[in-house]
Amino acid sequence: MNKIETGAASPDAAVIVVGGGPVGMGLAIELGQRGIRCIVVERYAQPQPIPKGQNLTQRTMEHFHFWGAEQQLRAARTIPPEYGIGGLTAYGTLLGPYSYDWLQRDLVRPYYYTANERLPQYATEAVLRARAAGLPSVETLYGWDAESVQQDDAGVTVTVRERKGDGRRVLRAAYAVGCDGARSTVREQAAIPQTRTDHDRVMVLLVFRSRQLHELLQRYPGKSYYNVLQPQLQGYWKFLGRVDLGNTWFFHAPVPAGTTADNFDFKAFLHDAVGAQFEVEFEHIGFWDLRFAIADRYRAGRLFIAGDAAHSHPPYGGYGVNSGLEDARNLGWKLAATLQGWGGEALLDSYDAERRPVFASTIDDFIARSIAEDRTFLESHDPARDRAGFEAAWQARAEGAVGEVHAFEPNYEGSPVVSPGKGVCSAKGSHRFEARAGHHLAPAMLAGGANVYETLGSGFTLLALGADESGVKAFVEAAARLEMPLIVVQAPAQGEAQRYAARWVLVRPDQFVAWVSDDAGVTPEAARRVLSLARGRH
């Protein structure tokens, strides 16, 4: 039995996850693989066929690797692998004379164990549902809504009802996590306030079919999404993407206030973005308000929020679903550690301390900054007014797009559970191979021929690279006394392992570095101190 469950009256599970989209299902898998019993309450019986959240980063694909679903996800992609999944930015129209490669995530591929991927969110959800179904510790309630969420000193109570039936259940658990979207019931009933920044823009989402558009855009082989900058939009985008190769597309852009599905010429709107006419068969027309929102905290006692329930933003750059899945990895192992008795309250608190500032930085340093910089560029440069000046500035933007991909490197430098916890937690960093406390561990081939990522355990992993045996013994004994899962990987500091520039690297269950040192030896007291900090108990 999970140690913390002994305080809850007749628990149905250790954790109740409200919301079974990608974030909720990812969290359930993370918990389920660690032997934590959880129940997922999801209002939709089937994934909704809206092609959002398509760009999955290399880091996100590492999650799928460790969840045992990477190959299944790649097999579900709707665009053939040989075609490519790159993007571009164009000025004026897609078929105009000015464009450059955009969001080239392949540039940072060497720093991750897996390659990035692209497929509609409903396809991702289907893969996650199938993986969760194979875990006996995960129970799913599809077609159910959470009506109320309450907590007390011993646990949480979630009342759920069947959407298309008379079923009603009262569920009991140690913790509950709201992964239930921007209008989160869990967030509201936990009384967690939000800080919102409205941009006073109505946005349209179109899903449509057009074979002719595929033929028009064959001039851009290997491109799957397209960002169009037009001066009248003041820095906001017309964004077009492939759902499959040749037929189905999605498009979103700002539209005038008061626009409805019936009073606006969306076909002409699309033609204006592309710069040519083509046939269009609409499958979906929907609207949303452009705003940023971030919860003022991600935890309220035994209640947590993750994904869109904790933070939301315009779908620019594919940051949303990737951020939410990182929430799931971060929170999942910390909940498991606490439920299994070796984690502490400080470890649970570190979920907010790490993830909330990273998303605030994602807004400020990437999405909002991009909108502001695009607006300034469009106000300052016009090829009709000064062609040479425009082209020079356009070239500079193309070069800057490369730097932006390298700069997006979420890290926990200021975390209270990494050592040393210097700096701040941020989405802005740099991709480097050396091991750094609070940063993602880059892959490396060890002297025996295995990749470091093939050796990592489900708990903490200590990389001892040419380190002395007394230090290894100190860590093993300290971990045993602390009842903390730890495996040791010993290898000579040769070849790619030298890139870590350290003898000792303590890797967390989510592949971030908890501690790094190049000291020759480690005392028992130092080993105990490092491990105690990393598990959130001092």
Protein backbone atom coordinates (compact mmCIF):
# COMPACT_ATOMS: atom_id res chain seq x y z
CA MET A 1 0.00 0.00 0.00
CA ASN A 2 1.24 3.52 -0.73
CA LYS A 3 2.30 4.92 2.61
CA ILE A 4 0.25 8.10 2.51
CA GLU A 5 -2.97 6.24 1.71
CA THR A 6 -3.21 4.88 5.24
CA GLY A 7 -4.53 8.29 6.34
CA ALA A 8 -7.42 8.38 3.85
CA ALA A 9 -10.78 6.75 4.56
CA SER A 10 -11.52 3.98 2.05
CA PRO A 11 -9.61 5.53 -0.86
CA ASP A 12 -10.66 4.61 -4.37
CA ALA A 13 -7.22 5.62 -5.64
CA ALA A 14 -4.13 7.51 -4.58
CA VAL A 15 -4.67 10.26 -7.18
CA ILE A 16 -7.75 11.40 -9.10
CA VAL A 17 -6.92 13.10 -12.40
CA VAL A 18 -9.71 15.35 -13.64
CA GLY A 19 -9.38 15.72 -17.41
CA GLY A 20 -8.16 13.06 -19.80
CA GLY A 21 -6.61 15.10 -22.58
CA PRO A 22 -2.88 14.67 -23.34
CA VAL A 23 -1.77 16.18 -20.02
CA GLY A 24 -4.16 14.18 -17.86
CA MET A 25 -3.44 10.92 -19.64
CA GLY A 26 0.31 11.60 -19.55
CA LEU A 27 0.11 12.18 -15.79
CA ALA A 28 -1.90 8.99 -15.31
CA ILE A 29 0.69 6.99 -17.24
CA GLU A 30 3.54 8.56 -15.27
CA LEU A 31 1.81 7.60 -12.02
CA GLY A 32 0.59 4.24 -13.24
CA GLN A 33 4.02 3.10 -14.35
CA ARG A 34 5.25 3.89 -10.84
CA GLY A 35 2.57 1.67 -9.31
CA ILE A 36 0.39 4.56 -8.12
CA ARG A 37 -3.33 3.81 -8.40
CA CYS A 38 -5.17 6.63 -10.14
CA ILE A 39 -8.56 7.34 -11.69
CA VAL A 40 -8.94 9.58 -14.75
CA VAL A 41 -12.26 11.41 -15.12
CA GLU A 42 -12.74 12.56 -18.72
CA ARG A 43 -15.90 14.14 -20.09
CA TYR A 44 -15.50 12.94 -23.69
CA ALA A 45 -15.91 9.29 -24.60
CA GLN A 46 -13.68 9.80 -27.65
CA PRO A 47 -10.91 12.34 -28.43
CA GLN A 48 -12.37 15.44 -30.06
CA PRO A 49 -11.42 15.75 -33.77
CA ILE A 50 -9.98 19.28 -33.61
CA PRO A 51 -6.37 19.31 -34.91
CA LYS A 52 -4.73 21.45 -32.23
CA GLY A 53 -1.48 20.92 -30.35
CA GLN A 54 0.39 19.31 -33.23
CA ASN A 55 4.04 20.27 -32.70
CA LEU A 56 5.73 17.88 -30.28
CA THR A 57 9.28 18.79 -29.30
CA GLN A 58 12.23 16.45 -28.85
CA ARG A 59 11.79 16.80 -25.10
CA THR A 60 8.12 15.80 -25.33
CA MET A 61 9.10 12.75 -27.34
CA GLU A 62 11.45 11.79 -24.52
CA HIS A 63 8.36 11.62 -22.32
CA PHE A 64 6.69 9.26 -24.77
CA HIS A 65 9.84 7.15 -24.84
CA PHE A 66 9.79 6.71 -21.08
CA TRP A 67 6.02 6.16 -21.12
CA GLY A 68 6.53 3.23 -23.50
CA ALA A 69 4.57 4.90 -26.30
CA GLU A 70 7.12 6.56 -28.57
CA GLN A 71 6.91 4.11 -31.46
CA GLN A 72 3.13 3.98 -31.28
CA LEU A 73 2.99 7.76 -31.49
CA ARG A 74 5.31 7.92 -34.48
CA ALA A 75 3.24 5.27 -36.22
CA ALA A 76 0.14 7.45 -35.74
CA ARG A 77 1.53 10.51 -37.52
CA THR A 78 -0.65 11.74 -40.37
CA ILE A 79 2.15 13.17 -42.54
CA PRO A 80 4.60 10.64 -44.02
CA PRO A 81 8.03 10.77 -42.32
CA GLU A 82 9.79 11.24 -45.65
CA TYR A 83 7.88 14.47 -46.32
CA GLY A 84 9.12 16.48 -43.34
CA ILE A 85 7.47 18.61 -40.66
CA GLY A 86 9.26 21.96 -40.96
CA GLY A 87 7.73 25.44 -40.88
CA LEU A 88 8.18 28.80 -42.56
CA THR A 89 7.29 32.46 -42.09
CA ALA A 90 6.11 34.52 -45.06
CA TYR A 91 5.45 38.22 -45.58
CA GLY A 92 2.20 39.36 -47.19
CA THR A 93 1.12 36.02 -48.63
CA LEU A 94 2.45 32.47 -48.66
CA LEU A 95 3.08 32.67 -52.39
CA GLY A 96 4.85 36.02 -52.20
CA PRO A 97 8.59 36.59 -52.69
CA TYR A 98 9.58 36.72 -48.99
CA SER A 99 9.82 33.69 -46.71
CA TYR A 100 12.29 31.93 -44.42
CA ASP A 101 12.47 28.72 -42.39
CA TRP A 102 10.83 29.06 -39.00
CA LEU A 103 10.86 27.06 -35.75
CA GLN A 104 13.59 24.73 -36.96
CA ARG A 105 13.55 22.38 -34.01
CA ASP A 106 15.90 20.00 -35.80
CA LEU A 107 18.68 22.45 -34.89
CA VAL A 108 18.64 21.29 -31.26
CA ARG A 109 18.18 17.58 -32.00
CA PRO A 110 21.71 16.60 -30.73
CA TYR A 111 20.80 17.75 -27.21
CA TYR A 112 17.91 15.28 -26.83
CA TYR A 113 17.56 11.53 -26.92
CA THR A 114 14.63 11.53 -29.36
CA ALA A 115 13.59 13.39 -32.53
CA ASN A 116 10.61 15.74 -32.60
CA GLU A 117 7.25 14.80 -34.11
CA ARG A 118 4.07 16.30 -35.51
CA LEU A 119 0.52 14.96 -35.49
CA PRO A 120 -2.97 16.15 -34.49
CA GLN A 121 -3.77 16.22 -30.80
CA TYR A 122 -6.61 13.72 -31.19
CA ALA A 123 -4.12 11.20 -32.59
CA THR A 124 -1.80 11.83 -29.64
CA GLU A 125 -4.70 11.35 -27.23
CA ALA A 126 -5.63 8.03 -28.84
CA VAL A 127 -2.08 6.72 -28.32
CA LEU A 128 -2.06 7.85 -24.69
CA ARG A 129 -5.45 6.26 -24.04
CA ALA A 130 -4.24 2.97 -25.46
CA ARG A 131 -1.09 3.08 -23.30
CA ALA A 132 -3.08 3.88 -20.15
CA ALA A 133 -5.42 0.97 -20.88
CA GLY A 134 -2.45 -1.37 -20.54
CA LEU A 135 -1.68 -0.24 -16.99
CA PRO A 136 -3.67 -2.06 -14.29
CA SER A 137 -3.10 0.79 -11.84
CA VAL A 138 -4.96 3.29 -14.08
CA GLU A 139 -8.77 3.38 -14.14
CA THR A 140 -10.49 5.57 -16.72
CA LEU A 141 -13.99 7.04 -16.56
CA TYR A 142 -14.70 8.29 -20.08
CA GLY A 143 -17.92 10.22 -20.52
CA TRP A 144 -17.97 11.52 -16.92
CA ASP A 145 -17.82 15.06 -15.52
CA ALA A 146 -16.40 16.21 -12.20
CA GLU A 147 -19.14 18.15 -10.38
CA SER A 148 -17.39 19.03 -7.14
CA VAL A 149 -13.92 18.76 -5.62
CA GLN A 150 -13.36 19.02 -1.87
CA GLN A 151 -10.35 18.42 0.36
CA ASP A 152 -9.71 17.80 4.03
CA ASP A 153 -6.70 16.90 6.15
CA ALA A 154 -6.80 13.25 5.07
CA GLY A 155 -7.55 13.46 1.35
CA VAL A 156 -9.84 14.71 -1.41
CA THR A 157 -13.37 13.87 -2.46
CA VAL A 158 -14.44 14.23 -6.09
CA THR A 159 -18.10 13.82 -7.05
CA VAL A 160 -18.58 12.77 -10.67
CA ARG A 161 -21.61 12.18 -12.87
CA GLU A 162 -22.18 10.37 -16.12
CA ARG A 163 -22.78 12.80 -18.99
CA LYS A 164 -25.14 10.55 -20.95
CA GLY A 165 -26.71 8.56 -18.19
CA ASP A 166 -27.77 8.58 -14.57
CA GLY A 167 -24.50 7.36 -13.07
CA ARG A 168 -23.04 9.22 -10.12
CA ARG A 169 -20.01 8.36 -8.00
CA VAL A 170 -18.18 9.87 -5.05
CA LEU A 171 -14.45 9.20 -5.36
CA ARG A 172 -11.90 9.40 -2.58
CA ALA A 173 -8.11 9.80 -2.96
CA ALA A 174 -5.06 11.32 -1.33
CA TYR A 175 -4.65 13.97 -4.06
CA ALA A 176 -6.48 15.34 -7.09
CA VAL A 177 -5.01 17.05 -10.13
CA GLY A 178 -7.00 19.29 -12.47
CA CYS A 179 -5.95 18.74 -16.07
CA ASP A 180 -9.37 19.96 -17.15
CA GLY A 181 -8.57 22.87 -19.43
CA ALA A 182 -8.75 26.64 -19.30
CA ARG A 183 -12.18 26.59 -17.59
CA SER A 184 -10.92 24.21 -14.93
CA THR A 185 -13.42 23.05 -12.34
CA VAL A 186 -10.58 21.97 -10.06
CA ARG A 187 -8.88 25.37 -10.25
CA GLU A 188 -12.12 27.20 -9.51
CA GLN A 189 -13.12 24.98 -6.59
CA ALA A 190 -9.60 25.13 -5.18
CA ALA A 191 -10.01 28.95 -5.22
CA ILE A 192 -6.80 29.43 -7.20
CA PRO A 193 -6.84 32.86 -8.89
CA GLN A 194 -5.45 33.59 -12.35
CA THR A 195 -3.52 36.49 -13.79
CA ARG A 196 -4.90 37.17 -17.26
CA THR A 197 -3.71 39.42 -20.05
CA ASP A 198 -6.34 39.98 -22.72
CA HIS A 199 -5.27 41.05 -26.21
CA ASP A 200 -8.79 42.09 -27.23
CA ARG A 201 -8.72 39.90 -30.32
CA VAL A 202 -11.30 37.41 -31.54
CA MET A 203 -9.60 34.48 -33.27
CA VAL A 204 -11.09 32.00 -35.70
CA LEU A 205 -10.12 28.36 -36.05
CA LEU A 206 -10.94 26.83 -39.42
CA VAL A 207 -10.58 23.18 -40.35
CA PHE A 208 -11.03 22.55 -44.05
CA ARG A 209 -10.19 20.32 -47.00
CA SER A 210 -8.38 21.46 -50.13
CA ARG A 211 -6.34 19.40 -52.55
CA GLN A 212 -5.62 22.50 -54.63
CA LEU A 213 -3.91 24.20 -51.69
CA HIS A 214 -1.56 21.23 -51.39
CA GLU A 215 -0.66 21.64 -55.05
CA LEU A 216 -0.11 25.40 -54.62
CA LEU A 217 2.27 24.87 -51.70
CA GLN A 218 4.40 22.20 -53.33
CA ARG A 219 6.95 24.94 -53.85
CA TYR A 220 7.77 24.44 -50.13
CA PRO A 221 8.67 20.73 -49.86
CA GLY A 222 8.95 19.40 -46.33
CA LYS A 223 6.92 22.24 -44.81
CA SER A 224 3.86 21.49 -42.72
CA TYR A 225 2.98 24.82 -41.09
CA TYR A 226 3.08 28.37 -42.35
CA ASN A 227 3.03 31.70 -40.53
CA VAL A 228 1.92 34.74 -42.55
CA LEU A 229 2.77 38.29 -41.44
CA GLN A 230 0.57 41.08 -42.78
CA PRO A 231 0.90 44.74 -41.72
CA GLN A 232 -2.81 45.20 -40.99
CA LEU A 233 -2.70 42.44 -38.36
CA GLN A 234 -0.24 44.41 -36.17
CA GLY A 235 1.96 41.46 -35.27
CA TYR A 236 -0.73 38.81 -34.92
CA TRP A 237 -0.47 35.90 -37.31
CA LYS A 238 -2.40 34.12 -39.95
CA PHE A 239 -1.31 30.59 -39.23
CA LEU A 240 -1.90 27.64 -41.53
CA GLY A 241 -0.98 24.00 -40.98
CA ARG A 242 -1.34 20.57 -42.53
CA VAL A 243 -3.38 17.96 -40.72
CA ASP A 244 -2.44 15.33 -43.29
CA LEU A 245 -0.54 15.39 -46.56
CA GLY A 246 -2.69 16.66 -49.38
CA ASN A 247 -6.21 17.16 -48.07
CA THR A 248 -6.93 18.51 -44.59
CA TRP A 249 -5.76 21.81 -43.09
CA PHE A 250 -6.27 24.06 -40.08
CA PHE A 251 -6.03 27.85 -39.99
CA HIS A 252 -6.32 30.45 -37.25
CA ALA A 253 -6.12 34.23 -37.37
CA PRO A 254 -7.68 37.35 -35.83
CA VAL A 255 -11.06 38.39 -37.21
CA PRO A 256 -13.23 41.49 -36.58
CA ALA A 257 -15.28 41.61 -33.41
CA GLY A 258 -18.75 40.23 -33.97
CA THR A 259 -17.66 37.74 -36.63
CA THR A 260 -19.80 34.60 -36.82
CA ALA A 261 -19.73 31.51 -38.97
CA ASP A 262 -22.41 33.05 -41.18
CA ASN A 263 -21.48 36.72 -41.61
CA PHE A 264 -17.86 36.51 -42.82
CA ASP A 265 -16.22 35.35 -46.07
CA PHE A 266 -13.71 32.85 -44.71
CA LYS A 267 -12.86 31.54 -48.16
CA ALA A 268 -11.67 34.98 -49.28
CA PHE A 269 -9.83 35.31 -45.95
CA LEU A 270 -7.88 32.13 -46.73
CA HIS A 271 -7.20 33.21 -50.31
CA ASP A 272 -5.78 36.49 -49.01
CA ALA A 273 -3.37 34.65 -46.72
CA VAL A 274 -2.15 32.29 -49.43
CA GLY A 275 -2.14 34.79 -52.32
CA ALA A 276 -4.20 32.66 -54.71
CA GLN A 277 -7.67 31.19 -55.07
CA PHE A 278 -8.34 27.52 -54.41
CA GLU A 279 -11.31 25.34 -53.57
CA VAL A 280 -12.25 25.03 -49.89
CA GLU A 281 -14.58 22.62 -48.08
CA PHE A 282 -15.03 23.68 -44.45
CA GLU A 283 -15.31 21.04 -41.73
CA HIS A 284 -15.20 23.27 -38.64
CA ILE A 285 -15.49 26.99 -37.85
CA GLY A 286 -14.88 27.99 -34.25
CA PHE A 287 -13.84 31.08 -32.28
CA TRP A 288 -11.74 31.87 -29.24
CA ASP A 289 -10.40 34.97 -27.47
CA LEU A 290 -6.69 35.70 -27.67
CA ARG A 291 -5.35 35.96 -24.14
CA PHE A 292 -2.62 34.80 -21.81
CA ALA A 293 -3.53 33.29 -18.45
CA ILE A 294 -1.42 31.81 -15.68
CA ALA A 295 -2.61 30.60 -12.29
CA ASP A 296 -1.18 32.45 -9.32
CA ARG A 297 -0.19 29.10 -7.86
CA TYR A 298 -0.29 25.51 -9.08
CA ARG A 299 -1.04 23.91 -5.71
CA ALA A 300 -3.69 24.38 -3.05
CA GLY A 301 -3.13 21.78 -0.34
CA ARG A 302 -3.94 18.39 -1.83
CA LEU A 303 -5.19 19.87 -5.10
CA PHE A 304 -2.92 20.58 -8.07
CA ILE A 305 -3.47 21.93 -11.56
CA ALA A 306 -1.55 21.24 -14.77
CA GLY A 307 -1.67 22.03 -18.47
CA ASP A 308 -4.28 24.53 -19.65
CA ALA A 309 -5.86 24.53 -16.20
CA ALA A 310 -2.65 26.15 -14.94
CA HIS A 311 -1.66 28.21 -17.97
CA SER A 312 -2.96 29.07 -21.41
CA HIS A 313 -1.81 31.19 -24.32
CA PRO A 314 -2.34 31.63 -28.06
CA PRO A 315 -1.26 28.57 -30.07
CA TYR A 316 1.88 30.27 -31.36
CA GLY A 317 4.96 28.10 -31.62
CA GLY A 318 3.53 24.87 -30.23
CA TYR A 319 4.41 25.70 -26.63
CA GLY A 320 1.08 24.76 -25.01
CA VAL A 321 0.82 20.99 -25.22
CA ASN A 322 4.58 20.60 -24.71
CA SER A 323 4.46 22.71 -21.54
CA GLY A 324 1.51 20.71 -20.25
CA LEU A 325 3.21 17.37 -20.81
CA GLU A 326 6.29 18.67 -18.97
CA ASP A 327 3.96 19.57 -16.10
CA ALA A 328 2.81 15.95 -16.05
CA ARG A 329 6.35 14.56 -15.89
CA ASN A 330 7.39 17.04 -13.21
CA LEU A 331 4.39 16.53 -10.97
CA GLY A 332 4.02 12.80 -11.58
CA TRP A 333 7.29 11.60 -10.07
CA LYS A 334 6.97 14.02 -7.16
CA LEU A 335 3.48 12.77 -6.28
CA ALA A 336 4.72 9.20 -6.56
CA ALA A 337 7.71 9.94 -4.31
CA THR A 338 5.47 11.43 -1.65
CA LEU A 339 2.89 8.65 -1.86
CA GLN A 340 5.64 6.04 -1.59
CA GLY A 341 7.04 7.73 1.49
CA TRP A 342 10.44 9.00 0.36
CA GLY A 343 9.41 12.44 -0.91
CA GLY A 344 8.36 15.41 1.16
CA GLU A 345 6.12 18.46 1.16
CA ALA A 346 8.98 20.58 -0.13
CA LEU A 347 9.21 18.27 -3.14
CA LEU A 348 5.50 18.79 -3.89
CA ASP A 349 5.92 22.55 -3.45
CA SER A 350 8.78 22.49 -5.96
CA TYR A 351 6.27 21.64 -8.73
CA ASP A 352 4.94 25.20 -8.53
CA ALA A 353 8.40 26.67 -7.88
CA GLU A 354 9.77 25.06 -11.04
CA ARG A 355 6.92 24.99 -13.53
CA ARG A 356 5.12 28.30 -12.95
CA PRO A 357 8.10 30.62 -13.61
CA VAL A 358 9.01 28.55 -16.67
CA PHE A 359 5.63 29.21 -18.21
CA ALA A 360 5.71 32.90 -17.24
CA SER A 361 9.03 33.08 -19.08
CA THR A 362 7.54 31.25 -22.06
CA ILE A 363 4.94 34.00 -22.31
CA ASP A 364 7.26 36.95 -21.73
CA ASP A 365 10.42 35.81 -23.48
CA PHE A 366 8.94 34.00 -26.46
CA ILE A 367 5.24 34.36 -27.33
CA ALA A 368 4.40 37.93 -26.25
CA ARG A 369 7.85 39.12 -27.26
CA SER A 370 7.38 37.60 -30.71
CA ILE A 371 4.07 39.41 -31.20
CA ALA A 372 5.62 42.71 -30.11
CA GLU A 373 8.69 42.26 -32.32
CA ASP A 374 6.55 41.34 -35.32
CA ARG A 375 4.44 44.45 -34.77
CA THR A 376 7.54 46.66 -34.61
CA PHE A 377 8.99 45.07 -37.74
CA LEU A 378 5.77 45.56 -39.71
CA GLU A 379 5.50 49.18 -38.60
CA SER A 380 9.13 49.90 -39.47
CA HIS A 381 9.66 48.05 -42.77
CA ASP A 382 7.70 47.96 -46.01
CA PRO A 383 9.12 46.63 -49.29
CA ALA A 384 6.95 49.10 -51.22
CA ARG A 385 8.54 52.00 -49.33
CA ASP A 386 12.15 50.81 -48.94
CA ARG A 387 12.82 47.48 -50.58
CA ALA A 388 16.53 47.30 -49.70
CA GLY A 389 15.89 48.19 -46.06
CA PHE A 390 13.07 45.66 -45.83
CA GLU A 391 15.16 42.88 -47.33
CA ALA A 392 18.05 43.53 -44.96
CA ALA A 393 15.69 43.46 -41.96
CA TRP A 394 13.97 40.34 -43.31
CA GLN A 395 17.32 38.56 -43.57
CA ALA A 396 18.14 39.55 -40.00
CA ARG A 397 14.82 38.05 -38.88
CA ALA A 398 15.66 34.80 -40.65
CA GLU A 399 18.96 34.60 -38.78
CA GLY A 400 17.25 35.49 -35.51
CA ALA A 401 14.77 32.61 -35.95
CA VAL A 402 17.70 30.21 -35.55
CA GLY A 403 18.69 31.82 -32.26
CA GLU A 404 15.16 31.58 -30.87
CA VAL A 405 15.12 27.80 -31.23
CA HIS A 406 18.42 27.53 -29.36
CA ALA A 407 17.26 29.96 -26.66
CA PHE A 408 14.14 27.99 -25.70
CA GLU A 409 15.62 25.70 -23.07
CA PRO A 410 13.35 25.40 -20.01
CA ASN A 411 15.42 24.95 -16.88
CA TYR A 412 15.16 24.91 -13.09
CA GLU A 413 18.31 26.79 -12.09
CA GLY A 414 16.46 28.47 -9.22
CA SER A 415 14.74 25.32 -7.93
CA PRO A 416 14.75 24.63 -4.19
CA VAL A 417 15.44 20.92 -4.87
CA VAL A 418 18.54 21.21 -7.08
CA SER A 419 22.03 21.96 -5.85
CA PRO A 420 23.21 24.59 -6.17
CA GLY A 421 19.84 26.34 -6.65
CA LYS A 422 21.29 29.48 -8.17
CA GLY A 423 19.63 31.76 -10.69
CA VAL A 424 15.95 31.52 -11.62
CA CYS A 425 13.70 28.93 -13.22
CA SER A 426 13.10 30.04 -16.78
CA ALA A 427 12.18 28.96 -20.30
CA LYS A 428 15.16 30.91 -21.58
CA GLY A 429 18.53 29.24 -21.54
CA SER A 430 21.07 27.65 -23.82
CA HIS A 431 21.60 24.19 -25.23
CA ARG A 432 24.90 22.84 -23.98
CA PHE A 433 26.31 19.38 -23.49
CA GLU A 434 27.94 19.90 -20.10
CA ALA A 435 25.85 18.78 -17.13
CA ARG A 436 24.38 21.73 -15.25
CA ALA A 437 22.28 21.68 -12.09
CA GLY A 438 18.64 22.37 -12.97
CA HIS A 439 19.05 21.69 -16.69
CA HIS A 440 17.97 18.83 -18.92
CA LEU A 441 20.60 16.12 -19.30
CA ALA A 442 21.97 15.89 -22.84
CA PRO A 443 22.52 12.38 -24.24
CA ALA A 444 26.00 10.88 -24.56
CA MET A 445 27.48 7.56 -25.58
CA LEU A 446 29.32 5.82 -22.78
CA ALA A 447 32.52 3.88 -23.26
CA GLY A 448 30.68 0.55 -23.32
CA GLY A 449 28.58 1.60 -26.31
CA ALA A 450 25.31 2.44 -24.54
CA ASN A 451 23.63 5.82 -24.58
CA VAL A 452 23.27 7.35 -21.13
CA TYR A 453 19.50 7.43 -21.69
CA GLU A 454 19.50 3.64 -22.01
CA THR A 455 20.94 3.36 -18.51
CA LEU A 456 18.71 5.76 -16.58
CA GLY A 457 16.48 4.30 -13.88
CA SER A 458 12.90 5.22 -13.00
CA GLY A 459 14.16 6.86 -9.80
CA PHE A 460 17.34 8.86 -9.39
CA THR A 461 20.44 7.88 -11.34
CA LEU A 462 23.99 8.73 -10.26
CA LEU A 463 26.45 8.95 -13.13
CA ALA A 464 29.88 8.20 -11.68
CA LEU A 465 32.27 9.06 -14.51
CA GLY A 466 35.75 8.01 -13.48
CA ALA A 467 34.80 8.71 -9.87
CA ASP A 468 36.22 6.91 -6.84
CA GLU A 469 34.55 3.89 -5.25
CA SER A 470 34.30 5.47 -1.79
CA GLY A 471 32.06 8.21 -3.19
CA VAL A 472 29.87 5.65 -4.95
CA LYS A 473 29.55 3.71 -1.70
CA ALA A 474 28.63 6.90 0.16
CA PHE A 475 25.74 7.59 -2.21
CA VAL A 476 24.46 4.00 -2.21
CA GLU A 477 24.43 3.86 1.59
CA ALA A 478 22.84 7.31 1.92
CA ALA A 479 20.08 6.38 -0.56
CA ALA A 480 19.37 3.17 1.36
CA ARG A 481 19.06 5.04 4.67
CA LEU A 482 16.73 7.60 3.04
CA GLU A 483 14.69 4.81 1.35
CA MET A 484 15.27 6.65 -1.89
CA PRO A 485 15.41 4.82 -5.28
CA LEU A 486 18.88 5.23 -6.77
CA ILE A 487 20.89 3.35 -9.33
CA VAL A 488 24.55 4.03 -10.06
CA VAL A 489 26.00 4.04 -13.56
CA GLN A 490 29.79 3.82 -13.45
CA ALA A 491 31.77 4.55 -16.60
CA PRO A 492 35.13 6.06 -17.48
CA ALA A 493 35.17 9.73 -18.39
CA GLN A 494 35.98 9.00 -22.00
CA GLY A 495 34.52 9.91 -25.38
CA GLU A 496 31.20 11.73 -25.31
CA ALA A 497 30.92 11.37 -21.53
CA GLN A 498 33.69 13.97 -21.29
CA ARG A 499 31.20 16.53 -22.58
CA TYR A 500 29.47 16.48 -19.19
CA ALA A 501 32.62 18.09 -17.70
CA ALA A 502 31.96 16.39 -14.36
CA ARG A 503 32.81 13.28 -12.38
CA TRP A 504 29.43 13.14 -10.65
CA VAL A 505 25.99 13.83 -12.16
CA LEU A 506 22.82 13.12 -10.17
CA VAL A 507 19.89 12.77 -12.60
CA ARG A 508 16.28 13.13 -11.47
CA PRO A 509 13.46 10.83 -12.61
CA ASP A 510 12.46 13.46 -15.20
CA GLN A 511 15.98 13.62 -16.72
CA PHE A 512 16.87 16.98 -15.21
CA VAL A 513 20.14 17.29 -13.32
CA ALA A 514 19.74 17.58 -9.54
CA TRP A 515 23.42 18.00 -8.69
CA VAL A 516 26.77 17.99 -10.46
CA SER A 517 30.34 17.99 -9.21
CA ASP A 518 33.85 17.49 -10.52
CA ASP A 519 35.33 16.79 -7.09
CA ALA A 520 37.49 13.70 -6.87
CA GLY A 521 35.62 12.26 -3.91
CA VAL A 522 32.35 12.62 -2.00
CA THR A 523 32.00 12.18 1.76
CA PRO A 524 29.06 10.30 3.32
CA GLU A 525 27.80 13.56 4.82
CA ALA A 526 27.89 15.30 1.42
CA ALA A 527 26.08 12.41 -0.26
CA ARG A 528 23.33 12.47 2.38
CA ARG A 529 22.96 16.24 2.04
CA VAL A 530 22.69 16.11 -1.77
CA LEU A 531 20.10 13.32 -1.76
CA SER A 532 18.08 14.88 1.05
CA LEU A 533 17.77 18.13 -0.87
CA ALA A 534 16.82 16.36 -4.10
CA ARG A 535 13.95 14.48 -2.43
CA GLY A 536 12.61 17.58 -0.69
CA ARG A 537 13.42 16.50 2.84
CA HIS A 538 16.24 17.99 4.89
